[in-house]
Amino acid sequence: MSCNGAKARRRKARRGVLTFEWILMVTLLVIGLIGGLAALRNVLLDQLYDLENAVEAMNFSGSGDAPDQAADGSTAANDSQTWWGSAQR
C-alpha cells in the first residue's frame, strides 16, 4: 500500500509543477502580448499621423496660382477660364 501512496504523491507533485509551469508561461506570454500590442499601436499611430500630414499637404482647394503654361506647353488663351476647368476638357 505504501508503494501506491508514494506514486500518488509523486503524481500530484508532478501535476503541481506542470500547473506552475503553465501559469508562468501564460503570464509571460500575456506580458509579451501587451508590450507587442503597445508597440504596434505606436507604430500604427505614427504612420497615420504621417498619412494625415501628407493629405493635409495636398492642396485641392484651387486657391493656388494658375500655371503660366498649359500641360502641352502652349500659353493659356483665355485668362477668365480657371486652369483646373480647362484641364478637364
PDB file of N, CA and C in Angstrom:
ATOM      1  N   MET A   1       0.809  -1.198   0.000  1.00  0.00           N
ATOM      2  CA  MET A   1       0.000   0.000   0.000  1.00  0.00           C
ATOM      3  C   MET A   1       0.855   1.266   0.000  1.00  0.00           C
ATOM      4  N   SER A   2       1.995   1.201   0.651  1.00  0.00           N
ATOM      5  CA  SER A   2       2.845   2.381   0.717  1.00  0.00           C
ATOM      6  C   SER A   2       3.407   2.740  -0.655  1.00  0.00           C
ATOM      7  N   CYS A   3       3.542   1.734  -1.502  1.00  0.00           N
ATOM      8  CA  CYS A   3       4.034   1.978  -2.858  1.00  0.00           C
ATOM      9  C   CYS A   3       3.018   2.765  -3.663  1.00  0.00           C
ATOM     10  N   ASN A   4       1.741   2.409  -3.532  1.00  0.00           N
ATOM     11  CA  ASN A   4       0.684   3.150  -4.240  1.00  0.00           C
ATOM     12  C   ASN A   4       0.557   4.567  -3.698  1.00  0.00           C
ATOM     13  N   GLY A   5       0.730   4.735  -2.412  1.00  0.00           N
ATOM     14  CA  GLY A   5       0.651   6.063  -1.803  1.00  0.00           C
ATOM     15  C   GLY A   5       1.786   6.963  -2.281  1.00  0.00           C
ATOM     16  N   ALA A   6       2.983   6.386  -2.421  1.00  0.00           N
ATOM     17  CA  ALA A   6       4.142   7.166  -2.893  1.00  0.00           C
ATOM     18  C   ALA A   6       3.959   7.572  -4.348  1.00  0.00           C
ATOM     19  N   LYS A   7       3.409   6.670  -5.150  1.00  0.00           N
ATOM     20  CA  LYS A   7       3.162   7.006  -6.564  1.00  0.00           C
ATOM     21  C   LYS A   7       2.133   8.126  -6.686  1.00  0.00           C
ATOM     22  N   ALA A   8       1.116   8.057  -5.869  1.00  0.00           N
ATOM     23  CA  ALA A   8       0.072   9.088  -5.904  1.00  0.00           C
ATOM     24  C   ALA A   8       0.645  10.442  -5.503  1.00  0.00           C
ATOM     25  N   ARG A   9       1.516  10.445  -4.488  1.00  0.00           N
ATOM     26  CA  ARG A   9       2.116  11.718  -4.057  1.00  0.00           C
ATOM     27  C   ARG A   9       3.012  12.295  -5.156  1.00  0.00           C
ATOM     28  N   ARG A  10       3.788  11.431  -5.821  1.00  0.00           N
ATOM     29  CA  ARG A  10       4.645  11.917  -6.905  1.00  0.00           C
ATOM     30  C   ARG A  10       3.822  12.452  -8.076  1.00  0.00           C
ATOM     31  N   ARG A  11       2.728  11.778  -8.375  1.00  0.00           N
ATOM     32  CA  ARG A  11       1.858  12.212  -9.468  1.00  0.00           C
ATOM     33  C   ARG A  11       1.264  13.589  -9.139  1.00  0.00           C
ATOM     34  N   LYS A  12       0.830  13.787  -7.910  1.00  0.00           N
ATOM     35  CA  LYS A  12       0.280  15.087  -7.505  1.00  0.00           C
ATOM     36  C   LYS A  12       1.348  16.174  -7.544  1.00  0.00           C
ATOM     37  N   ALA A  13       2.554  15.808  -7.107  1.00  0.00           N
ATOM     38  CA  ALA A  13       3.645  16.792  -7.137  1.00  0.00           C
ATOM     39  C   ALA A  13       3.996  17.160  -8.566  1.00  0.00           C
ATOM     40  N   ARG A  14       3.996  16.170  -9.457  1.00  0.00           N
ATOM     41  CA  ARG A  14       4.279  16.435 -10.865  1.00  0.00           C
ATOM     42  C   ARG A  14       3.203  17.342 -11.475  1.00  0.00           C
ATOM     43  N   ARG A  15       1.946  17.076 -11.142  1.00  0.00           N
ATOM     44  CA  ARG A  15       0.855  17.931 -11.646  1.00  0.00           C
ATOM     45  C   ARG A  15       1.009  19.363 -11.152  1.00  0.00           C
ATOM     46  N   GLY A  16       1.436  19.516  -9.911  1.00  0.00           N
ATOM     47  CA  GLY A  16       1.630  20.858  -9.363  1.00  0.00           C
ATOM     48  C   GLY A  16       2.732  21.614 -10.083  1.00  0.00           C
ATOM     49  N   VAL A  17       3.819  20.921 -10.406  1.00  0.00           N
ATOM     50  CA  VAL A  17       4.931  21.545 -11.124  1.00  0.00           C
ATOM     51  C   VAL A  17       4.480  21.928 -12.528  1.00  0.00           C
ATOM     52  N   LEU A  18       3.747  21.046 -13.203  1.00  0.00           N
ATOM     53  CA  LEU A  18       3.268  21.361 -14.550  1.00  0.00           C
ATOM     54  C   LEU A  18       2.291  22.525 -14.527  1.00  0.00           C
ATOM     55  N   THR A  19       1.434  22.567 -13.518  1.00  0.00           N
ATOM     56  CA  THR A  19       0.491  23.678 -13.397  1.00  0.00           C
ATOM     57  C   THR A  19       1.245  24.984 -13.206  1.00  0.00           C
ATOM     58  N   PHE A  20       2.259  24.980 -12.358  1.00  0.00           N
ATOM     59  CA  PHE A  20       3.061  26.184 -12.143  1.00  0.00           C
ATOM     60  C   PHE A  20       3.760  26.610 -13.427  1.00  0.00           C
ATOM     61  N   GLU A  21       4.289  25.661 -14.176  1.00  0.00           N
ATOM     62  CA  GLU A  21       4.956  25.992 -15.433  1.00  0.00           C
ATOM     63  C   GLU A  21       3.986  26.605 -16.434  1.00  0.00           C
ATOM     64  N   TRP A  22       2.780  26.058 -16.517  1.00  0.00           N
ATOM     65  CA  TRP A  22       1.784  26.616 -17.433  1.00  0.00           C
ATOM     66  C   TRP A  22       1.381  28.026 -17.021  1.00  0.00           C
ATOM     67  N   ILE A  23       1.183  28.245 -15.732  1.00  0.00           N
ATOM     68  CA  ILE A  23       0.812  29.582 -15.249  1.00  0.00           C
ATOM     69  C   ILE A  23       1.929  30.575 -15.557  1.00  0.00           C
ATOM     70  N   LEU A  24       3.172  30.172 -15.327  1.00  0.00           N
ATOM     71  CA  LEU A  24       4.316  31.046 -15.609  1.00  0.00           C
ATOM     72  C   LEU A  24       4.414  31.347 -17.105  1.00  0.00           C
ATOM     73  N   MET A  25       4.240  30.335 -17.935  1.00  0.00           N
ATOM     74  CA  MET A  25       4.330  30.524 -19.379  1.00  0.00           C
ATOM     75  C   MET A  25       3.214  31.434 -19.898  1.00  0.00           C
ATOM     76  N   VAL A  26       1.998  31.225 -19.439  1.00  0.00           N
ATOM     77  CA  VAL A  26       0.876  32.054 -19.892  1.00  0.00           C
ATOM     78  C   VAL A  26       1.053  33.491 -19.416  1.00  0.00           C
ATOM     79  N   THR A  27       1.546  33.674 -18.191  1.00  0.00           N
ATOM     80  CA  THR A  27       1.785  35.028 -17.676  1.00  0.00           C
ATOM     81  C   THR A  27       2.810  35.764 -18.522  1.00  0.00           C
ATOM     82  N   LEU A  28       3.911  35.106 -18.840  1.00  0.00           N
ATOM     83  CA  LEU A  28       4.938  35.737 -19.682  1.00  0.00           C
ATOM     84  C   LEU A  28       4.406  36.016 -21.086  1.00  0.00           C
ATOM     85  N   LEU A  29       3.596  35.122 -21.609  1.00  0.00           N
ATOM     86  CA  LEU A  29       3.001  35.324 -22.930  1.00  0.00           C
ATOM     87  C   LEU A  29       2.081  36.540 -22.938  1.00  0.00           C
ATOM     88  N   VAL A  30       1.275  36.695 -21.913  1.00  0.00           N
ATOM     89  CA  VAL A  30       0.364  37.846 -21.829  1.00  0.00           C
ATOM     90  C   VAL A  30       1.152  39.145 -21.700  1.00  0.00           C
ATOM     91  N   ILE A  31       2.194  39.144 -20.880  1.00  0.00           N
ATOM     92  CA  ILE A  31       3.026  40.350 -20.736  1.00  0.00           C
ATOM     93  C   ILE A  31       3.671  40.705 -22.082  1.00  0.00           C
ATOM     94  N   GLY A  32       4.165  39.699 -22.804  1.00  0.00           N
ATOM     95  CA  GLY A  32       4.761  39.945 -24.116  1.00  0.00           C
ATOM     96  C   GLY A  32       3.745  40.463 -25.118  1.00  0.00           C
ATOM     97  N   LEU A  33       2.525  39.910 -25.083  1.00  0.00           N
ATOM     98  CA  LEU A  33       1.481  40.378 -25.999  1.00  0.00           C
ATOM     99  C   LEU A  33       1.104  41.828 -25.715  1.00  0.00           C
ATOM    100  N   ILE A  34       1.014  42.183 -24.456  1.00  0.00           N
ATOM    101  CA  ILE A  34       0.659  43.569 -24.109  1.00  0.00           C
ATOM    102  C   ILE A  34       1.745  44.528 -24.601  1.00  0.00           C
ATOM    103  N   GLY A  35       2.998  44.172 -24.377  1.00  0.00           N
ATOM    104  CA  GLY A  35       4.091  45.026 -24.869  1.00  0.00           C
ATOM    105  C   GLY A  35       4.125  45.101 -26.376  1.00  0.00           C
ATOM    106  N   GLY A  36       3.905  43.970 -27.049  1.00  0.00           N
ATOM    107  CA  GLY A  36       3.896  43.959 -28.515  1.00  0.00           C
ATOM    108  C   GLY A  36       2.749  44.772 -29.095  1.00  0.00           C
ATOM    109  N   LEU A  37       1.583  44.653 -28.502  1.00  0.00           N
ATOM    110  CA  LEU A  37       0.437  45.426 -28.996  1.00  0.00           C
ATOM    111  C   LEU A  37       0.627  46.918 -28.752  1.00  0.00           C
ATOM    112  N   ALA A  38       1.252  47.284 -27.646  1.00  0.00           N
ATOM    113  CA  ALA A  38       1.531  48.703 -27.388  1.00  0.00           C
ATOM    114  C   ALA A  38       2.512  49.256 -28.421  1.00  0.00           C
ATOM    115  N   ALA A  39       3.532  48.476 -28.753  1.00  0.00           N
ATOM    116  CA  ALA A  39       4.491  48.914 -29.775  1.00  0.00           C
ATOM    117  C   ALA A  39       3.819  49.009 -31.141  1.00  0.00           C
ATOM    118  N   LEU A  40       2.971  48.054 -31.468  1.00  0.00           N
ATOM    119  CA  LEU A  40       2.243  48.083 -32.734  1.00  0.00           C
ATOM    120  C   LEU A  40       1.323  49.294 -32.811  1.00  0.00           C
ATOM    121  N   ARG A  41       0.661  49.624 -31.702  1.00  0.00           N
ATOM    122  CA  ARG A  41      -0.203  50.804 -31.658  1.00  0.00           C
ATOM    123  C   ARG A  41       0.587  52.079 -31.940  1.00  0.00           C
ATOM    124  N   ASN A  42       1.774  52.193 -31.327  1.00  0.00           N
ATOM    125  CA  ASN A  42       2.583  53.396 -31.530  1.00  0.00           C
ATOM    126  C   ASN A  42       3.043  53.527 -32.977  1.00  0.00           C
ATOM    127  N   VAL A  43       3.463  52.427 -33.580  1.00  0.00           N
ATOM    128  CA  VAL A  43       3.907  52.466 -34.972  1.00  0.00           C
ATOM    129  C   VAL A  43       2.736  52.807 -35.891  1.00  0.00           C
ATOM    130  N   LEU A  44       1.577  52.219 -35.625  1.00  0.00           N
ATOM    131  CA  LEU A  44       0.402  52.487 -36.440  1.00  0.00           C
ATOM    132  C   LEU A  44      -0.025  53.944 -36.339  1.00  0.00           C
ATOM    133  N   LEU A  45      -0.004  54.497 -35.142  1.00  0.00           N
ATOM    134  CA  LEU A  45      -0.365  55.907 -34.977  1.00  0.00           C
ATOM    135  C   LEU A  45       0.629  56.822 -35.672  1.00  0.00           C
ATOM    136  N   ASP A  46       1.921  56.494 -35.620  1.00  0.00           N
ATOM    137  CA  ASP A  46       2.920  57.296 -36.333  1.00  0.00           C
ATOM    138  C   ASP A  46       2.647  57.293 -37.839  1.00  0.00           C
ATOM    139  N   GLN A  47       2.308  56.128 -38.377  1.00  0.00           N
ATOM    140  CA  GLN A  47       2.018  56.041 -39.806  1.00  0.00           C
ATOM    141  C   GLN A  47       0.753  56.821 -40.157  1.00  0.00           C
ATOM    142  N   LEU A  48      -0.246  56.757 -39.299  1.00  0.00           N
ATOM    143  CA  LEU A  48      -1.482  57.504 -39.560  1.00  0.00           C
ATOM    144  C   LEU A  48      -1.253  59.012 -39.480  1.00  0.00           C
ATOM    145  N   TYR A  49      -0.399  59.460 -38.554  1.00  0.00           N
ATOM    146  CA  TYR A  49      -0.067  60.884 -38.488  1.00  0.00           C
ATOM    147  C   TYR A  49       0.676  61.327 -39.748  1.00  0.00           C
ATOM    148  N   ASP A  50       1.588  60.481 -40.234  1.00  0.00           N
ATOM    149  CA  ASP A  50       2.286  60.798 -41.482  1.00  0.00           C
ATOM    150  C   ASP A  50       1.308  60.883 -42.638  1.00  0.00           C
ATOM    151  N   LEU A  51       0.353  59.970 -42.697  1.00  0.00           N
ATOM    152  CA  LEU A  51      -0.654  59.997 -43.751  1.00  0.00           C
ATOM    153  C   LEU A  51      -1.520  61.242 -43.641  1.00  0.00           C
ATOM    154  N   GLU A  52      -1.870  61.611 -42.412  1.00  0.00           N
ATOM    155  CA  GLU A  52      -2.667  62.818 -42.202  1.00  0.00           C
ATOM    156  C   GLU A  52      -1.917  64.053 -42.701  1.00  0.00           C
ATOM    157  N   ASN A  53      -0.650  64.152 -42.386  1.00  0.00           N
ATOM    158  CA  ASN A  53       0.143  65.302 -42.825  1.00  0.00           C
ATOM    159  C   ASN A  53       0.276  65.328 -44.348  1.00  0.00           C
ATOM    160  N   ALA A  54       0.406  64.149 -44.964  1.00  0.00           N
ATOM    161  CA  ALA A  54       0.515  64.102 -46.419  1.00  0.00           C
ATOM    162  C   ALA A  54      -0.787  64.536 -47.084  1.00  0.00           C
ATOM    163  N   VAL A  55      -1.912  64.116 -46.517  1.00  0.00           N
ATOM    164  CA  VAL A  55      -3.200  64.511 -47.091  1.00  0.00           C
ATOM    165  C   VAL A  55      -3.437  66.005 -46.888  1.00  0.00           C
ATOM    166  N   GLU A  56      -3.081  66.517 -45.723  1.00  0.00           N
ATOM    167  CA  GLU A  56      -3.246  67.952 -45.485  1.00  0.00           C
ATOM    168  C   GLU A  56      -2.341  68.784 -46.382  1.00  0.00           C
ATOM    169  N   ALA A  57      -1.199  68.234 -46.781  1.00  0.00           N
ATOM    170  CA  ALA A  57      -0.269  68.972 -47.635  1.00  0.00           C
ATOM    171  C   ALA A  57      -0.790  69.096 -49.062  1.00  0.00           C
ATOM    172  N   MET A  58      -1.688  68.186 -49.449  1.00  0.00           N
ATOM    173  CA  MET A  58      -2.278  68.279 -50.785  1.00  0.00           C
ATOM    174  C   MET A  58      -3.259  69.444 -50.809  1.00  0.00           C
ATOM    175  N   ASN A  59      -3.138  70.272 -51.812  1.00  0.00           N
ATOM    176  CA  ASN A  59      -3.998  71.440 -51.902  1.00  0.00           C
ATOM    177  C   ASN A  59      -4.952  71.240 -53.067  1.00  0.00           C
ATOM    178  N   PHE A  60      -6.165  70.819 -52.775  1.00  0.00           N
ATOM    179  CA  PHE A  60      -7.180  70.626 -53.803  1.00  0.00           C
ATOM    180  C   PHE A  60      -8.220  71.741 -53.782  1.00  0.00           C
ATOM    181  N   SER A  61      -7.954  72.801 -53.051  1.00  0.00           N
ATOM    182  CA  SER A  61      -8.944  73.864 -52.926  1.00  0.00           C
ATOM    183  C   SER A  61      -8.993  74.749 -54.164  1.00  0.00           C
ATOM    184  N   GLY A  62      -7.994  74.714 -54.990  1.00  0.00           N
ATOM    185  CA  GLY A  62      -7.984  75.555 -56.184  1.00  0.00           C
ATOM    186  C   GLY A  62      -7.601  76.986 -55.897  1.00  0.00           C
ATOM    187  N   SER A  63      -7.064  77.231 -54.736  1.00  0.00           N
ATOM    188  CA  SER A  63      -6.706  78.602 -54.383  1.00  0.00           C
ATOM    189  C   SER A  63      -5.275  78.945 -54.765  1.00  0.00           C
ATOM    190  N   GLY A  64      -4.574  78.007 -55.395  1.00  0.00           N
ATOM    191  CA  GLY A  64      -3.190  78.263 -55.787  1.00  0.00           C
ATOM    192  C   GLY A  64      -3.129  79.103 -57.057  1.00  0.00           C
ATOM    193  N   ASP A  65      -1.939  79.514 -57.421  1.00  0.00           N
ATOM    194  CA  ASP A  65      -1.744  80.292 -58.637  1.00  0.00           C
ATOM    195  C   ASP A  65      -1.919  79.400 -59.857  1.00  0.00           C
ATOM    196  N   ALA A  66      -2.476  79.982 -60.912  1.00  0.00           N
ATOM    197  CA  ALA A  66      -2.633  79.250 -62.157  1.00  0.00           C
ATOM    198  C   ALA A  66      -1.275  79.106 -62.823  1.00  0.00           C
ATOM    199  N   PRO A  67      -1.016  77.998 -63.461  1.00  0.00           N
ATOM    200  CA  PRO A  67       0.276  77.834 -64.140  1.00  0.00           C
ATOM    201  C   PRO A  67       0.375  78.757 -65.356  1.00  0.00           C
ATOM    202  N   ASP A  68       1.597  79.160 -65.701  1.00  0.00           N
ATOM    203  CA  ASP A  68       1.802  80.061 -66.837  1.00  0.00           C
ATOM    204  C   ASP A  68       1.528  79.362 -68.159  1.00  0.00           C
ATOM    205  N   GLN A  69       1.776  78.093 -68.226  1.00  0.00           N
ATOM    206  CA  GLN A  69       1.585  77.369 -69.473  1.00  0.00           C
ATOM    207  C   GLN A  69       0.723  76.141 -69.233  1.00  0.00           C
ATOM    208  N   ALA A  70       0.075  75.720 -70.302  1.00  0.00           N
ATOM    209  CA  ALA A  70      -0.730  74.506 -70.224  1.00  0.00           C
ATOM    210  C   ALA A  70       0.192  73.296 -70.232  1.00  0.00           C
ATOM    211  N   ALA A  71      -0.395  72.116 -70.063  1.00  0.00           N
ATOM    212  CA  ALA A  71       0.399  70.894 -69.984  1.00  0.00           C
ATOM    213  C   ALA A  71       1.133  70.612 -71.291  1.00  0.00           C
ATOM    214  N   ASP A  72       0.578  71.051 -72.421  1.00  0.00           N
ATOM    215  CA  ASP A  72       1.230  70.781 -73.706  1.00  0.00           C
ATOM    216  C   ASP A  72       2.263  71.848 -74.070  1.00  0.00           C
ATOM    217  N   GLY A  73       2.475  72.846 -73.213  1.00  0.00           N
ATOM    218  CA  GLY A  73       3.488  73.864 -73.458  1.00  0.00           C
ATOM    219  C   GLY A  73       2.946  75.153 -74.044  1.00  0.00           C
ATOM    220  N   SER A  74       1.698  75.159 -74.506  1.00  0.00           N
ATOM    221  CA  SER A  74       1.123  76.380 -75.067  1.00  0.00           C
ATOM    222  C   SER A  74       0.658  77.300 -73.941  1.00  0.00           C
ATOM    223  N   THR A  75       0.609  78.603 -74.229  1.00  0.00           N
ATOM    224  CA  THR A  75       0.152  79.556 -73.216  1.00  0.00           C
ATOM    225  C   THR A  75      -1.365  79.589 -73.207  1.00  0.00           C
ATOM    226  N   ALA A  76      -1.931  79.915 -72.074  1.00  0.00           N
ATOM    227  CA  ALA A  76      -3.387  79.954 -71.935  1.00  0.00           C
ATOM    228  C   ALA A  76      -3.938  81.131 -72.738  1.00  0.00           C
ATOM    229  N   ALA A  77      -4.943  80.865 -73.573  1.00  0.00           N
ATOM    230  CA  ALA A  77      -5.514  81.902 -74.426  1.00  0.00           C
ATOM    231  C   ALA A  77      -6.582  82.699 -73.704  1.00  0.00           C
ATOM    232  N   ASN A  78      -7.318  82.080 -72.795  1.00  0.00           N
ATOM    233  CA  ASN A  78      -8.410  82.759 -72.136  1.00  0.00           C
ATOM    234  C   ASN A  78      -8.088  82.872 -70.649  1.00  0.00           C
ATOM    235  N   ASP A  79      -7.820  84.089 -70.182  1.00  0.00           N
ATOM    236  CA  ASP A  79      -7.453  84.292 -68.778  1.00  0.00           C
ATOM    237  C   ASP A  79      -8.643  84.170 -67.840  1.00  0.00           C
ATOM    238  N   SER A  80      -9.860  84.302 -68.338  1.00  0.00           N
ATOM    239  CA  SER A  80     -11.029  84.235 -67.471  1.00  0.00           C
ATOM    240  C   SER A  80     -11.370  82.786 -67.107  1.00  0.00           C
ATOM    241  N   GLN A  81     -10.832  81.842 -67.854  1.00  0.00           N
ATOM    242  CA  GLN A  81     -11.122  80.440 -67.598  1.00  0.00           C
ATOM    243  C   GLN A  81     -10.184  79.920 -66.494  1.00  0.00           C
ATOM    244  N   THR A  82     -10.701  79.143 -65.564  1.00  0.00           N
ATOM    245  CA  THR A  82      -9.861  78.620 -64.496  1.00  0.00           C
ATOM    246  C   THR A  82      -8.957  77.538 -65.046  1.00  0.00           C
ATOM    247  N   TRP A  83      -7.787  77.408 -64.507  1.00  0.00           N
ATOM    248  CA  TRP A  83      -6.821  76.444 -65.027  1.00  0.00           C
ATOM    249  C   TRP A  83      -7.249  75.010 -64.767  1.00  0.00           C
ATOM    250  N   TRP A  84      -7.982  74.760 -63.662  1.00  0.00           N
ATOM    251  CA  TRP A  84      -8.402  73.378 -63.407  1.00  0.00           C
ATOM    252  C   TRP A  84      -9.603  73.010 -64.253  1.00  0.00           C
ATOM    253  N   GLY A  85     -10.411  74.004 -64.646  1.00  0.00           N
ATOM    254  CA  GLY A  85     -11.547  73.736 -65.524  1.00  0.00           C
ATOM    255  C   GLY A  85     -11.096  73.465 -66.938  1.00  0.00           C
ATOM    256  N   SER A  86     -10.077  74.169 -67.412  1.00  0.00           N
ATOM    257  CA  SER A  86      -9.593  73.971 -68.777  1.00  0.00           C
ATOM    258  C   SER A  86      -8.850  72.648 -68.933  1.00  0.00           C
ATOM    259  N   ALA A  87      -8.258  72.148 -67.847  1.00  0.00           N
ATOM    260  CA  ALA A  87      -7.520  70.899 -67.922  1.00  0.00           C
ATOM    261  C   ALA A  87      -8.461  69.699 -68.019  1.00  0.00           C
ATOM    262  N   GLN A  88      -9.706  69.844 -67.592  1.00  0.00           N
ATOM    263  CA  GLN A  88     -10.657  68.741 -67.615  1.00  0.00           C
ATOM    264  C   GLN A  88     -11.321  68.575 -68.968  1.00  0.00           C
ATOM    265  N   ARG A  89     -11.216  69.545 -69.832  1.00  0.00           N
ATOM    266  CA  ARG A  89     -11.897  69.460 -71.131  1.00  0.00           C
ATOM    267  C   ARG A  89     -11.140  68.688 -72.130  1.00  0.00           C
TER     268      ARG A  89
END
